[in-house]
N, C-alpha and C. Protein backbone atom coordinates (compact mmCIF):
# COMPACT_ATOMS: atom_id res chain seq x y z
N UNK A 1 5.26 -28.18 -8.37
CA UNK A 1 6.33 -27.20 -8.34
C UNK A 1 7.42 -27.62 -7.35
N UNK A 2 7.02 -28.03 -6.16
CA UNK A 2 8.00 -28.46 -5.15
C UNK A 2 8.73 -29.70 -5.64
N UNK A 3 8.05 -30.57 -6.33
CA UNK A 3 8.67 -31.78 -6.87
C UNK A 3 9.76 -31.41 -7.89
N UNK A 4 9.48 -30.42 -8.74
CA UNK A 4 10.46 -29.98 -9.73
C UNK A 4 11.68 -29.36 -9.05
N UNK A 5 11.46 -28.57 -8.02
CA UNK A 5 12.57 -27.95 -7.29
C UNK A 5 13.42 -29.04 -6.64
N UNK A 6 12.76 -30.03 -6.03
CA UNK A 6 13.47 -31.13 -5.39
C UNK A 6 14.30 -31.91 -6.41
N UNK A 7 13.72 -32.20 -7.57
CA UNK A 7 14.45 -32.92 -8.62
C UNK A 7 15.65 -32.11 -9.13
N UNK A 8 15.47 -30.82 -9.29
CA UNK A 8 16.58 -29.95 -9.71
C UNK A 8 17.67 -29.96 -8.66
N UNK A 9 17.28 -29.93 -7.39
CA UNK A 9 18.25 -29.95 -6.30
C UNK A 9 19.04 -31.26 -6.32
N UNK A 10 18.35 -32.38 -6.50
CA UNK A 10 19.03 -33.68 -6.56
C UNK A 10 19.99 -33.74 -7.74
N UNK A 11 19.55 -33.24 -8.89
CA UNK A 11 20.40 -33.21 -10.07
C UNK A 11 21.65 -32.36 -9.82
N UNK A 12 21.45 -31.22 -9.18
CA UNK A 12 22.57 -30.33 -8.84
C UNK A 12 23.57 -31.05 -7.93
N UNK A 13 23.08 -31.72 -6.89
CA UNK A 13 23.96 -32.43 -5.97
C UNK A 13 24.72 -33.54 -6.67
N UNK A 14 24.03 -34.32 -7.50
CA UNK A 14 24.66 -35.43 -8.20
C UNK A 14 25.72 -34.92 -9.17
N UNK A 15 25.42 -33.88 -9.92
CA UNK A 15 26.35 -33.32 -10.89
C UNK A 15 27.59 -32.78 -10.20
N UNK A 16 27.42 -32.03 -9.11
CA UNK A 16 28.56 -31.47 -8.39
C UNK A 16 29.41 -32.56 -7.76
N UNK A 17 28.78 -33.60 -7.22
CA UNK A 17 29.52 -34.70 -6.61
C UNK A 17 30.34 -35.43 -7.67
N UNK A 18 29.74 -35.69 -8.83
CA UNK A 18 30.45 -36.37 -9.91
C UNK A 18 31.62 -35.52 -10.39
N UNK A 19 31.39 -34.23 -10.58
CA UNK A 19 32.44 -33.33 -11.02
C UNK A 19 33.57 -33.29 -10.00
N UNK A 20 33.23 -33.21 -8.73
CA UNK A 20 34.24 -33.15 -7.67
C UNK A 20 35.07 -34.42 -7.64
N UNK A 21 34.43 -35.58 -7.76
CA UNK A 21 35.14 -36.85 -7.70
C UNK A 21 36.06 -37.06 -8.89
N UNK A 22 35.71 -36.52 -10.05
CA UNK A 22 36.57 -36.73 -11.22
C UNK A 22 37.86 -35.91 -11.11
N UNK A 23 37.93 -35.01 -10.17
CA UNK A 23 39.13 -34.21 -9.96
C UNK A 23 39.85 -34.57 -8.66
N UNK A 24 39.63 -35.80 -8.19
CA UNK A 24 40.30 -36.31 -6.99
C UNK A 24 41.18 -37.50 -7.41
N UNK A 25 42.43 -37.45 -6.96
CA UNK A 25 43.38 -38.52 -7.26
C UNK A 25 43.91 -39.08 -5.94
N UNK A 26 44.32 -40.34 -5.98
CA UNK A 26 44.92 -40.99 -4.83
C UNK A 26 46.36 -41.37 -5.21
N UNK A 27 47.31 -40.80 -4.48
CA UNK A 27 48.71 -41.15 -4.68
C UNK A 27 49.12 -42.05 -3.51
N UNK A 28 49.44 -43.29 -3.83
CA UNK A 28 49.83 -44.25 -2.80
C UNK A 28 51.35 -44.16 -2.60
N UNK A 29 51.73 -43.87 -1.34
CA UNK A 29 53.13 -43.83 -0.94
C UNK A 29 53.40 -44.95 0.05
N UNK A 30 54.66 -45.18 0.38
CA UNK A 30 55.02 -46.28 1.28
C UNK A 30 54.35 -46.15 2.65
N UNK A 31 54.10 -44.91 3.10
CA UNK A 31 53.55 -44.71 4.43
C UNK A 31 52.03 -44.51 4.45
N UNK A 32 51.40 -44.35 3.28
CA UNK A 32 49.95 -44.17 3.26
C UNK A 32 49.47 -43.44 2.01
N UNK A 33 48.16 -43.30 1.92
CA UNK A 33 47.53 -42.69 0.76
C UNK A 33 47.41 -41.18 0.91
N UNK A 34 47.70 -40.49 -0.19
CA UNK A 34 47.61 -39.03 -0.26
C UNK A 34 46.47 -38.69 -1.21
N UNK A 35 45.51 -37.92 -0.73
CA UNK A 35 44.37 -37.52 -1.55
C UNK A 35 44.66 -36.14 -2.12
N UNK A 36 44.52 -36.03 -3.44
CA UNK A 36 44.85 -34.81 -4.16
C UNK A 36 43.61 -34.29 -4.88
N UNK A 37 43.35 -33.00 -4.71
CA UNK A 37 42.29 -32.33 -5.48
C UNK A 37 42.97 -31.59 -6.63
N UNK A 38 42.48 -31.82 -7.84
CA UNK A 38 43.03 -31.15 -9.02
C UNK A 38 42.23 -29.90 -9.34
N UNK A 39 42.92 -28.86 -9.80
CA UNK A 39 42.30 -27.56 -10.09
C UNK A 39 42.07 -27.40 -11.59
N UNK A 40 41.08 -28.08 -12.10
CA UNK A 40 40.76 -28.02 -13.52
C UNK A 40 40.37 -26.61 -13.96
N UNK A 41 39.84 -25.82 -13.04
CA UNK A 41 39.38 -24.47 -13.39
C UNK A 41 40.53 -23.50 -13.65
N UNK A 42 41.71 -23.72 -13.05
CA UNK A 42 42.81 -22.78 -13.26
C UNK A 42 43.96 -23.34 -14.11
N UNK A 43 44.02 -24.66 -14.26
CA UNK A 43 45.09 -25.27 -15.06
C UNK A 43 44.57 -26.50 -15.80
N UNK A 44 43.60 -26.31 -16.69
CA UNK A 44 42.95 -27.46 -17.34
C UNK A 44 43.89 -28.35 -18.15
N UNK A 45 44.85 -27.79 -18.84
CA UNK A 45 45.77 -28.60 -19.65
C UNK A 45 46.73 -29.39 -18.77
N UNK A 46 47.17 -28.79 -17.67
CA UNK A 46 48.05 -29.50 -16.75
C UNK A 46 47.30 -30.62 -16.04
N UNK A 47 46.07 -30.36 -15.65
CA UNK A 47 45.24 -31.39 -15.02
C UNK A 47 44.99 -32.52 -16.01
N UNK A 48 44.67 -32.18 -17.24
CA UNK A 48 44.43 -33.19 -18.27
C UNK A 48 45.66 -34.08 -18.45
N UNK A 49 46.85 -33.48 -18.53
CA UNK A 49 48.09 -34.25 -18.69
C UNK A 49 48.34 -35.14 -17.49
N UNK A 50 48.18 -34.60 -16.29
CA UNK A 50 48.40 -35.35 -15.06
C UNK A 50 47.48 -36.57 -15.01
N UNK A 51 46.21 -36.35 -15.30
CA UNK A 51 45.24 -37.45 -15.27
C UNK A 51 45.54 -38.49 -16.35
N UNK A 52 45.96 -38.03 -17.51
CA UNK A 52 46.28 -38.94 -18.62
C UNK A 52 47.47 -39.84 -18.24
N UNK A 53 48.52 -39.24 -17.71
CA UNK A 53 49.69 -40.02 -17.32
C UNK A 53 49.36 -40.99 -16.18
N UNK A 54 48.51 -40.55 -15.25
CA UNK A 54 48.09 -41.44 -14.16
C UNK A 54 47.26 -42.60 -14.71
N UNK A 55 46.34 -42.29 -15.61
CA UNK A 55 45.51 -43.34 -16.22
C UNK A 55 46.36 -44.36 -16.97
N UNK A 56 47.41 -43.90 -17.61
CA UNK A 56 48.33 -44.77 -18.35
C UNK A 56 49.32 -45.48 -17.43
N UNK A 57 49.21 -45.25 -16.12
CA UNK A 57 50.08 -45.84 -15.09
C UNK A 57 51.53 -45.40 -15.22
N UNK A 58 51.76 -44.25 -15.85
CA UNK A 58 53.13 -43.74 -16.06
C UNK A 58 53.77 -43.26 -14.76
N UNK A 59 52.96 -42.82 -13.78
CA UNK A 59 53.52 -42.35 -12.52
C UNK A 59 53.81 -43.49 -11.54
N UNK A 60 53.25 -44.67 -11.77
CA UNK A 60 53.46 -45.79 -10.87
C UNK A 60 54.93 -46.20 -10.89
N UNK A 61 55.60 -46.12 -9.75
CA UNK A 61 57.01 -46.48 -9.65
C UNK A 61 57.97 -45.32 -9.82
N UNK A 62 57.47 -44.12 -10.07
CA UNK A 62 58.35 -42.96 -10.28
C UNK A 62 58.88 -42.45 -8.94
N UNK A 63 60.18 -42.19 -8.90
CA UNK A 63 60.85 -41.80 -7.66
C UNK A 63 60.75 -40.29 -7.42
N UNK A 64 60.92 -39.93 -6.15
CA UNK A 64 61.06 -38.54 -5.74
C UNK A 64 62.56 -38.24 -5.81
N UNK A 65 63.00 -37.75 -6.96
CA UNK A 65 64.44 -37.61 -7.22
C UNK A 65 65.06 -36.36 -6.59
N UNK A 66 64.24 -35.39 -6.24
CA UNK A 66 64.75 -34.13 -5.67
C UNK A 66 63.83 -33.73 -4.51
N UNK A 67 64.36 -33.78 -3.30
CA UNK A 67 63.56 -33.48 -2.12
C UNK A 67 64.37 -32.57 -1.20
N UNK A 68 63.88 -31.35 -1.03
CA UNK A 68 64.57 -30.35 -0.22
C UNK A 68 63.73 -30.07 1.03
N UNK A 69 64.31 -30.40 2.18
CA UNK A 69 63.62 -30.21 3.46
C UNK A 69 63.18 -28.75 3.61
N UNK A 70 61.94 -28.56 4.04
CA UNK A 70 61.41 -27.22 4.23
C UNK A 70 60.97 -26.54 2.95
N UNK A 71 61.09 -27.22 1.80
CA UNK A 71 60.74 -26.61 0.52
C UNK A 71 59.77 -27.50 -0.26
N UNK A 72 60.28 -28.57 -0.91
CA UNK A 72 59.40 -29.37 -1.75
C UNK A 72 59.99 -30.74 -2.05
N UNK A 73 59.10 -31.62 -2.58
CA UNK A 73 59.48 -32.95 -3.08
C UNK A 73 59.10 -33.01 -4.55
N UNK A 74 60.09 -33.28 -5.41
CA UNK A 74 59.86 -33.31 -6.86
C UNK A 74 59.90 -34.74 -7.36
N UNK A 75 58.99 -35.04 -8.29
CA UNK A 75 58.85 -36.37 -8.89
C UNK A 75 58.27 -36.19 -10.29
N UNK A 76 57.89 -37.30 -10.91
CA UNK A 76 57.15 -37.23 -12.16
C UNK A 76 57.96 -37.44 -13.42
N UNK A 77 59.26 -37.75 -13.31
CA UNK A 77 60.06 -38.02 -14.50
C UNK A 77 59.71 -39.44 -14.96
N UNK A 78 58.76 -39.54 -15.87
CA UNK A 78 58.27 -40.85 -16.32
C UNK A 78 59.23 -41.52 -17.30
N UNK A 79 60.24 -40.79 -17.76
CA UNK A 79 61.21 -41.33 -18.71
C UNK A 79 62.39 -42.00 -17.99
N UNK A 80 63.06 -41.27 -17.11
CA UNK A 80 64.24 -41.80 -16.43
C UNK A 80 64.02 -42.07 -14.94
N UNK A 81 62.91 -41.60 -14.39
CA UNK A 81 62.66 -41.73 -12.96
C UNK A 81 61.72 -42.86 -12.58
N UNK A 82 61.28 -43.67 -13.56
CA UNK A 82 60.35 -44.76 -13.24
C UNK A 82 61.14 -46.02 -12.91
N UNK A 83 61.18 -46.35 -11.62
CA UNK A 83 61.97 -47.49 -11.15
C UNK A 83 61.45 -48.84 -11.64
N UNK A 84 60.28 -48.85 -12.27
CA UNK A 84 59.73 -50.10 -12.81
C UNK A 84 60.18 -50.37 -14.25
N UNK A 85 60.86 -49.42 -14.88
CA UNK A 85 61.21 -49.54 -16.29
C UNK A 85 62.71 -49.75 -16.51
N UNK A 86 63.06 -50.30 -17.67
CA UNK A 86 64.47 -50.48 -18.05
C UNK A 86 65.18 -49.14 -18.25
N UNK A 87 64.43 -48.08 -18.53
CA UNK A 87 65.02 -46.76 -18.77
C UNK A 87 65.37 -46.04 -17.46
N UNK A 88 65.05 -46.65 -16.31
CA UNK A 88 65.33 -46.01 -15.02
C UNK A 88 66.82 -45.74 -14.86
N UNK A 89 67.15 -44.51 -14.55
CA UNK A 89 68.53 -44.10 -14.33
C UNK A 89 68.50 -42.96 -13.32
N UNK A 90 68.81 -43.26 -12.06
CA UNK A 90 68.73 -42.27 -11.00
C UNK A 90 69.61 -41.06 -11.30
N UNK A 91 70.70 -41.26 -12.02
CA UNK A 91 71.58 -40.12 -12.36
C UNK A 91 70.92 -39.17 -13.35
N UNK A 92 69.98 -39.69 -14.16
CA UNK A 92 69.30 -38.85 -15.16
C UNK A 92 67.90 -38.44 -14.72
N UNK A 93 67.43 -39.01 -13.60
CA UNK A 93 66.09 -38.66 -13.11
C UNK A 93 66.01 -37.15 -12.89
N UNK A 94 64.97 -36.57 -13.42
CA UNK A 94 64.80 -35.12 -13.35
C UNK A 94 65.11 -34.44 -14.67
N UNK A 95 65.63 -35.20 -15.64
CA UNK A 95 65.95 -34.62 -16.94
C UNK A 95 64.98 -35.07 -18.03
N UNK A 96 64.09 -35.99 -17.71
CA UNK A 96 63.18 -36.53 -18.72
C UNK A 96 61.75 -36.09 -18.55
N UNK A 97 60.93 -36.54 -19.47
CA UNK A 97 59.50 -36.24 -19.45
C UNK A 97 58.74 -37.35 -20.15
N UNK A 98 57.55 -37.04 -20.58
CA UNK A 98 56.72 -38.01 -21.28
C UNK A 98 56.93 -37.87 -22.79
N UNK A 99 56.25 -38.72 -23.54
CA UNK A 99 56.29 -38.64 -25.01
C UNK A 99 55.39 -37.53 -25.55
N UNK A 100 54.64 -36.90 -24.68
CA UNK A 100 53.72 -35.83 -25.11
C UNK A 100 54.46 -34.50 -25.21
N UNK A 101 53.93 -33.57 -26.00
CA UNK A 101 54.59 -32.26 -26.11
C UNK A 101 54.51 -31.48 -24.81
N UNK A 102 55.46 -30.57 -24.64
CA UNK A 102 55.45 -29.70 -23.46
C UNK A 102 54.18 -28.87 -23.42
N UNK A 103 53.84 -28.42 -22.22
CA UNK A 103 52.62 -27.65 -22.00
C UNK A 103 52.89 -26.15 -21.94
N UNK A 104 51.95 -25.39 -22.45
CA UNK A 104 52.01 -23.94 -22.32
C UNK A 104 51.67 -23.60 -20.86
N UNK A 105 52.39 -22.65 -20.30
CA UNK A 105 52.19 -22.24 -18.91
C UNK A 105 50.73 -21.85 -18.65
N UNK A 106 50.25 -22.21 -17.49
CA UNK A 106 48.92 -21.79 -17.02
C UNK A 106 49.10 -21.15 -15.64
N UNK A 107 49.82 -20.03 -15.63
CA UNK A 107 50.05 -19.33 -14.38
C UNK A 107 48.75 -18.72 -13.89
N UNK A 108 48.60 -18.66 -12.58
CA UNK A 108 47.37 -18.14 -11.98
C UNK A 108 47.72 -17.42 -10.68
N UNK A 109 46.70 -16.96 -10.01
CA UNK A 109 46.91 -16.29 -8.72
C UNK A 109 46.95 -17.30 -7.57
N UNK A 110 46.84 -18.59 -7.86
CA UNK A 110 46.90 -19.62 -6.81
C UNK A 110 48.28 -19.59 -6.15
N UNK A 111 48.30 -19.63 -4.84
CA UNK A 111 49.54 -19.55 -4.07
C UNK A 111 50.19 -20.92 -3.91
N UNK A 112 51.49 -20.91 -3.81
CA UNK A 112 52.25 -22.11 -3.49
C UNK A 112 52.29 -22.23 -1.96
N UNK A 113 51.30 -22.93 -1.41
CA UNK A 113 51.19 -23.14 0.02
C UNK A 113 51.58 -24.57 0.34
N UNK A 114 51.59 -24.89 1.61
CA UNK A 114 51.84 -26.27 2.03
C UNK A 114 50.83 -27.19 1.34
N UNK A 115 51.34 -28.22 0.68
CA UNK A 115 50.48 -29.20 0.01
C UNK A 115 50.17 -28.89 -1.44
N UNK A 116 50.59 -27.75 -1.95
CA UNK A 116 50.34 -27.38 -3.34
C UNK A 116 51.09 -28.31 -4.29
N UNK A 117 50.42 -28.72 -5.39
CA UNK A 117 51.07 -29.43 -6.48
C UNK A 117 51.26 -28.43 -7.62
N UNK A 118 52.46 -28.39 -8.15
CA UNK A 118 52.78 -27.47 -9.22
C UNK A 118 53.69 -28.19 -10.21
N UNK A 119 53.61 -27.81 -11.48
CA UNK A 119 54.42 -28.47 -12.50
C UNK A 119 55.83 -27.92 -12.50
N UNK A 120 56.80 -28.82 -12.56
CA UNK A 120 58.19 -28.43 -12.70
C UNK A 120 58.44 -28.08 -14.17
N UNK A 121 59.45 -27.26 -14.40
CA UNK A 121 59.78 -26.85 -15.76
C UNK A 121 61.23 -26.39 -15.80
N UNK A 122 61.74 -26.15 -17.00
CA UNK A 122 63.07 -25.57 -17.15
C UNK A 122 62.93 -24.06 -17.10
N UNK A 123 63.93 -23.34 -17.56
CA UNK A 123 63.85 -21.87 -17.57
C UNK A 123 62.80 -21.36 -18.55
N UNK A 124 62.38 -22.21 -19.48
CA UNK A 124 61.31 -21.86 -20.42
C UNK A 124 59.97 -22.06 -19.72
N UNK A 125 59.17 -21.00 -19.55
CA UNK A 125 57.88 -21.13 -18.86
C UNK A 125 56.93 -22.14 -19.52
N UNK A 126 57.14 -22.44 -20.79
CA UNK A 126 56.27 -23.36 -21.52
C UNK A 126 56.91 -24.74 -21.70
N UNK A 127 57.66 -25.19 -20.71
CA UNK A 127 58.37 -26.47 -20.82
C UNK A 127 57.89 -27.55 -19.85
N UNK A 128 56.81 -27.30 -19.12
CA UNK A 128 56.29 -28.34 -18.21
C UNK A 128 55.83 -29.53 -19.04
N UNK A 129 56.02 -30.74 -18.49
CA UNK A 129 55.65 -31.93 -19.24
C UNK A 129 55.01 -32.97 -18.33
N UNK A 130 55.80 -33.63 -17.50
CA UNK A 130 55.26 -34.66 -16.61
C UNK A 130 55.71 -34.47 -15.16
N UNK A 131 56.82 -33.79 -14.95
CA UNK A 131 57.35 -33.63 -13.59
C UNK A 131 56.55 -32.59 -12.80
N UNK A 132 56.42 -32.88 -11.51
CA UNK A 132 55.70 -31.97 -10.62
C UNK A 132 56.34 -32.00 -9.25
N UNK A 133 55.96 -31.04 -8.42
CA UNK A 133 56.46 -31.02 -7.06
C UNK A 133 55.33 -30.70 -6.10
N UNK A 134 55.54 -31.10 -4.85
CA UNK A 134 54.60 -30.85 -3.77
C UNK A 134 55.33 -30.00 -2.73
N UNK A 135 54.75 -28.88 -2.37
CA UNK A 135 55.38 -27.97 -1.40
C UNK A 135 55.20 -28.48 0.03
N UNK A 136 56.31 -28.50 0.79
CA UNK A 136 56.25 -28.83 2.21
C UNK A 136 55.75 -27.65 3.03
N UNK A 137 55.99 -26.46 2.55
CA UNK A 137 55.52 -25.24 3.22
C UNK A 137 55.34 -24.15 2.17
N UNK A 138 54.85 -23.02 2.60
CA UNK A 138 54.58 -21.91 1.70
C UNK A 138 55.85 -21.50 0.95
N UNK A 139 55.71 -21.25 -0.36
CA UNK A 139 56.83 -20.83 -1.20
C UNK A 139 56.36 -19.70 -2.13
N UNK A 140 56.09 -18.52 -1.56
CA UNK A 140 55.52 -17.43 -2.35
C UNK A 140 56.40 -16.96 -3.51
N UNK A 141 57.70 -17.22 -3.45
CA UNK A 141 58.59 -16.82 -4.55
C UNK A 141 58.29 -17.60 -5.84
N UNK A 142 57.51 -18.69 -5.74
CA UNK A 142 57.14 -19.48 -6.92
C UNK A 142 55.81 -19.02 -7.53
N UNK A 143 55.06 -18.21 -6.80
CA UNK A 143 53.74 -17.77 -7.28
C UNK A 143 53.87 -17.07 -8.62
N UNK A 144 52.95 -17.41 -9.52
CA UNK A 144 52.89 -16.85 -10.89
C UNK A 144 54.13 -17.16 -11.72
N UNK A 145 54.95 -18.11 -11.24
CA UNK A 145 56.15 -18.54 -11.98
C UNK A 145 56.02 -20.00 -12.43
N UNK A 146 55.14 -20.74 -11.77
CA UNK A 146 54.91 -22.16 -12.05
C UNK A 146 53.41 -22.40 -12.06
N UNK A 147 52.98 -23.42 -12.81
CA UNK A 147 51.56 -23.71 -12.95
C UNK A 147 51.06 -24.60 -11.81
N UNK A 148 50.32 -24.00 -10.89
CA UNK A 148 49.68 -24.73 -9.80
C UNK A 148 48.50 -25.49 -10.41
N UNK A 149 48.42 -26.81 -10.12
CA UNK A 149 47.32 -27.58 -10.69
C UNK A 149 46.59 -28.46 -9.68
N UNK A 150 46.98 -28.41 -8.41
CA UNK A 150 46.30 -29.22 -7.42
C UNK A 150 46.81 -28.97 -6.02
N UNK A 151 46.21 -29.71 -5.08
CA UNK A 151 46.60 -29.57 -3.67
C UNK A 151 46.28 -30.86 -2.92
N UNK A 152 47.16 -31.20 -2.00
CA UNK A 152 46.92 -32.33 -1.10
C UNK A 152 45.82 -31.92 -0.14
N UNK A 153 44.74 -32.72 -0.09
CA UNK A 153 43.65 -32.42 0.83
C UNK A 153 43.57 -33.41 1.99
N UNK A 154 44.34 -34.50 1.89
CA UNK A 154 44.40 -35.48 2.97
C UNK A 154 45.68 -36.30 2.79
N UNK A 155 46.37 -36.54 3.89
CA UNK A 155 47.55 -37.39 3.85
C UNK A 155 48.87 -36.65 3.70
N UNK A 156 48.87 -35.35 4.00
CA UNK A 156 50.12 -34.59 3.89
C UNK A 156 51.17 -35.14 4.85
N UNK A 157 50.75 -35.77 5.92
CA UNK A 157 51.71 -36.37 6.86
C UNK A 157 52.54 -37.46 6.19
N UNK A 158 51.99 -38.10 5.14
CA UNK A 158 52.74 -39.12 4.41
C UNK A 158 53.73 -38.48 3.43
N UNK A 159 53.36 -37.34 2.88
CA UNK A 159 54.29 -36.58 2.04
C UNK A 159 55.46 -36.11 2.90
N UNK A 160 55.17 -35.69 4.13
CA UNK A 160 56.22 -35.23 5.04
C UNK A 160 57.25 -36.32 5.34
N UNK A 161 56.89 -37.58 5.15
CA UNK A 161 57.79 -38.69 5.46
C UNK A 161 58.65 -39.12 4.28
N UNK A 162 58.51 -38.46 3.12
CA UNK A 162 59.34 -38.79 1.96
C UNK A 162 60.80 -38.51 2.30
N UNK A 163 61.66 -39.44 1.90
CA UNK A 163 63.10 -39.34 2.18
C UNK A 163 63.67 -38.06 1.57
N UNK A 164 64.41 -37.29 2.41
CA UNK A 164 65.01 -36.03 1.99
C UNK A 164 66.32 -36.27 1.24
N UNK A 165 66.63 -35.32 0.37
CA UNK A 165 67.87 -35.38 -0.39
C UNK A 165 69.00 -34.67 0.32
N UNK A 166 70.15 -34.66 -0.34
CA UNK A 166 71.36 -34.04 0.20
C UNK A 166 71.74 -32.82 -0.62
N UNK A 167 72.43 -31.90 -0.01
CA UNK A 167 72.94 -30.73 -0.71
C UNK A 167 71.86 -29.74 -1.07
N UNK A 168 72.29 -28.65 -1.68
CA UNK A 168 71.34 -27.57 -2.01
C UNK A 168 70.36 -27.97 -3.10
N UNK A 169 70.70 -28.96 -3.92
CA UNK A 169 69.81 -29.41 -4.99
C UNK A 169 68.84 -30.48 -4.52
N UNK A 170 69.07 -31.06 -3.34
CA UNK A 170 68.16 -32.06 -2.79
C UNK A 170 68.20 -33.40 -3.49
N UNK A 171 69.33 -33.73 -4.10
CA UNK A 171 69.47 -35.00 -4.81
C UNK A 171 69.34 -36.17 -3.84
N UNK A 172 68.51 -37.15 -4.20
CA UNK A 172 68.19 -38.26 -3.30
C UNK A 172 68.82 -39.55 -3.81
N UNK A 173 69.58 -40.22 -2.94
CA UNK A 173 70.06 -41.56 -3.27
C UNK A 173 69.08 -42.54 -2.64
N UNK A 174 68.81 -43.63 -3.29
CA UNK A 174 67.82 -44.61 -2.84
C UNK A 174 66.49 -43.93 -2.48
N UNK A 175 65.87 -43.25 -3.46
CA UNK A 175 64.68 -42.43 -3.19
C UNK A 175 63.40 -43.23 -2.96
N UNK A 176 62.47 -42.58 -2.27
CA UNK A 176 61.11 -43.11 -2.15
C UNK A 176 60.43 -42.94 -3.51
N UNK A 177 59.31 -43.64 -3.70
CA UNK A 177 58.63 -43.57 -4.98
C UNK A 177 57.11 -43.54 -4.82
N UNK A 178 56.46 -43.16 -5.90
CA UNK A 178 55.00 -43.26 -5.99
C UNK A 178 54.69 -44.73 -6.26
N UNK A 179 53.95 -45.36 -5.39
CA UNK A 179 53.58 -46.76 -5.62
C UNK A 179 52.52 -46.81 -6.71
N UNK A 180 51.51 -45.95 -6.59
CA UNK A 180 50.48 -45.85 -7.65
C UNK A 180 49.80 -44.50 -7.57
N UNK A 181 49.26 -44.09 -8.71
CA UNK A 181 48.49 -42.84 -8.82
C UNK A 181 47.21 -43.20 -9.57
N UNK A 182 46.08 -43.04 -8.89
CA UNK A 182 44.81 -43.42 -9.50
C UNK A 182 43.73 -42.37 -9.24
N UNK A 183 42.74 -42.39 -10.12
CA UNK A 183 41.56 -41.53 -9.90
C UNK A 183 40.73 -42.17 -8.80
N UNK A 184 40.04 -41.33 -8.05
CA UNK A 184 39.19 -41.83 -6.97
C UNK A 184 38.04 -42.60 -7.54
């Protein structure tokens, strides 16, 4: 009986560890690695899209085209914001997405706190595609308006070092970029 309980316990630990690791991503920035936990339980379609684009290396080389001090850093335009591709156009960065269809909103009670990852979208709540932002500090006015799908759990100090933009829109000239985005 004790042997069965012990085996069940080991199975439980192994299963939870595997599940936890499959929802951890590493975003490499110029100043260091950022560890991200994805929230598959509250935004499964957004997490699936994020992981798919990362697996396809679509985020590698994508710039932070909109960065507002005290608010957020936006990136993820895999169409016009990827500095590794011929389609890169800093003037159009922020207007593109992936070849996949837009996602239906997955709004939740998750708060936009420091380190939160949330999908960017247009005025249409169901228009998220590939772009996302990371909050520098709490932004409660975004709660239940954008799909939260993850959070920085280590390396937020490297996110804090992303080059800031100018003006109220946070447009960045010569922006920093995601060097790589990989699963742990």
